[in-house]
Amino acid sequence: MAGAPLIVLLLGLACTALAANWAYRSAAGLRAERLERLATRAELTLAGRLDTYVALLRGGAGLFAASQDVSTEEFNRYAKSFISRSAIPACRGSVFPRRSGRTPRPTAASASSSR
């Protein structure tokens, strides 16, 4: 039985290698799951923000389509209606857009007929 210690050593090393491999794969799987959860959360956050921005743009388009001439006061009232009740980062810099030229603005009727 002179070779028994060598066999025990080799079996111990093999078990250690198997356990280390299992622990590595398990940790890698946990990291991949965590990354997937974080990516999903970021995707949902961005999708929600984009939906909010689209709704704001559509509301602004509706404001301009409903009036022949939108005054600064009308636009400020519109902007304050959602800036005061939200924490939308893009709305902090909302300003009244100035027209650069005398190009005719499409009316609501022409905008709906072009769809």
Protein backbone atom coordinates (compact mmCIF):
# COMPACT_ATOMS: atom_id res chain seq x y z
CA MET A 1 0.00 0.00 0.00
CA ALA A 2 2.82 2.33 -0.72
CA GLY A 3 0.86 3.95 -3.56
CA ALA A 4 -2.21 4.74 -1.40
CA PRO A 5 -1.06 8.26 -0.42
CA LEU A 6 -0.41 9.05 -4.07
CA ILE A 7 -3.89 7.84 -5.06
CA VAL A 8 -5.47 9.90 -2.26
CA LEU A 9 -3.49 12.95 -3.41
CA LEU A 10 -4.56 12.52 -7.04
CA LEU A 11 -8.21 11.96 -6.07
CA GLY A 12 -8.09 15.06 -3.84
CA LEU A 13 -6.60 17.16 -6.65
CA ALA A 14 -9.23 15.88 -9.11
CA CYS A 15 -12.06 16.68 -6.68
CA THR A 16 -10.58 20.13 -6.05
CA ALA A 17 -10.34 20.80 -9.80
CA LEU A 18 -13.95 19.68 -10.33
CA ALA A 19 -15.17 21.83 -7.43
CA ALA A 20 -13.23 24.87 -8.69
CA ASN A 21 -14.64 24.38 -12.21
CA TRP A 22 -18.20 24.09 -10.82
CA ALA A 23 -17.75 27.24 -8.70
CA TYR A 24 -16.36 29.17 -11.69
CA ARG A 25 -19.24 28.15 -13.95
CA SER A 26 -21.78 28.90 -11.25
CA ALA A 27 -20.34 32.39 -10.66
CA ALA A 28 -20.22 33.04 -14.42
CA GLY A 29 -23.87 32.05 -14.72
CA LEU A 30 -24.82 34.39 -11.86
CA ARG A 31 -22.90 37.24 -13.50
CA ALA A 32 -24.63 36.59 -16.82
CA GLU A 33 -28.07 36.59 -15.13
CA ARG A 34 -27.28 39.82 -13.31
CA LEU A 35 -26.09 41.46 -16.52
CA GLU A 36 -29.28 40.34 -18.26
CA ARG A 37 -31.44 41.83 -15.48
CA LEU A 38 -29.53 45.12 -15.58
CA ALA A 39 -29.78 45.30 -19.37
CA THR A 40 -33.53 44.61 -19.24
CA ARG A 41 -34.01 47.29 -16.59
CA ALA A 42 -32.02 49.81 -18.64
CA GLU A 43 -34.00 48.92 -21.77
CA LEU A 44 -37.32 49.42 -19.98
CA THR A 45 -36.15 52.73 -18.51
CA LEU A 46 -35.04 54.01 -21.92
CA ALA A 47 -38.22 52.80 -23.60
CA GLY A 48 -40.29 54.62 -20.99
CA ARG A 49 -38.34 57.82 -21.47
CA LEU A 50 -38.65 57.61 -25.23
CA ASP A 51 -42.40 57.06 -24.93
CA THR A 52 -42.59 60.14 -22.70
CA TYR A 53 -40.59 62.24 -25.16
CA VAL A 54 -42.75 61.09 -28.07
CA ALA A 55 -45.88 62.02 -26.13
CA LEU A 56 -44.42 65.45 -25.36
CA LEU A 57 -43.54 66.00 -29.01
CA ARG A 58 -47.02 64.96 -30.11
CA GLY A 59 -48.53 67.31 -27.54
CA GLY A 60 -46.39 70.16 -28.86
CA ALA A 61 -47.36 69.29 -32.41
CA GLY A 62 -50.99 69.33 -31.36
CA LEU A 63 -50.54 72.74 -29.76
CA PHE A 64 -49.07 74.16 -32.95
CA ALA A 65 -51.64 72.41 -35.16
CA ALA A 66 -54.56 73.74 -33.09
CA SER A 67 -53.53 77.38 -33.29
CA GLN A 68 -52.66 79.57 -36.25
CA ASP A 69 -50.12 81.46 -34.16
CA VAL A 70 -48.77 80.06 -30.88
CA SER A 71 -47.72 82.85 -28.57
CA THR A 72 -44.90 82.65 -26.08
CA GLU A 73 -47.44 82.67 -23.25
CA GLU A 74 -49.38 79.75 -24.76
CA PHE A 75 -46.22 77.73 -25.19
CA ASN A 76 -45.04 78.56 -21.67
CA ARG A 77 -48.42 77.47 -20.26
CA TYR A 78 -48.15 74.22 -22.21
CA ALA A 79 -44.57 73.62 -21.10
CA LYS A 80 -45.27 74.43 -17.44
CA SER A 81 -48.19 71.99 -17.43
CA PHE A 82 -45.82 69.03 -17.63
CA ILE A 83 -42.54 70.46 -16.32
CA SER A 84 -44.03 71.20 -12.91
CA ARG A 85 -45.36 67.68 -12.40
CA SER A 86 -42.50 65.64 -13.77
CA ALA A 87 -38.80 65.13 -13.46
CA ILE A 88 -38.13 64.71 -17.15
CA PRO A 89 -34.49 65.72 -17.75
CA ALA A 90 -35.08 66.86 -21.32
CA CYS A 91 -37.85 69.25 -20.26
CA ARG A 92 -35.59 71.36 -18.08
CA GLY A 93 -34.30 73.15 -21.16
CA SER A 94 -37.58 73.66 -23.01
CA VAL A 95 -37.75 76.99 -24.75
CA PHE A 96 -40.14 78.65 -27.15
CA PRO A 97 -39.02 77.83 -30.70
CA ARG A 98 -38.55 80.76 -33.03
CA ARG A 99 -39.33 80.51 -36.70
CA SER A 100 -36.56 81.26 -39.11
CA GLY A 101 -38.33 82.50 -42.17
CA ARG A 102 -41.78 82.92 -43.61
CA THR A 103 -42.42 79.36 -44.78
CA PRO A 104 -46.08 78.42 -44.50
CA ARG A 105 -46.82 76.08 -41.64
CA PRO A 106 -48.88 72.98 -42.42
CA THR A 107 -52.39 73.00 -41.01
CA ALA A 108 -54.01 70.17 -39.11
CA ALA A 109 -56.06 69.24 -42.18
CA SER A 110 -53.02 69.02 -44.46
CA ALA A 111 -51.06 67.06 -41.84
CA SER A 112 -53.80 64.45 -41.48
CA SER A 113 -54.29 64.14 -45.23
CA SER A 114 -50.58 63.42 -45.79
CA ARG A 115 -50.74 60.27 -43.67
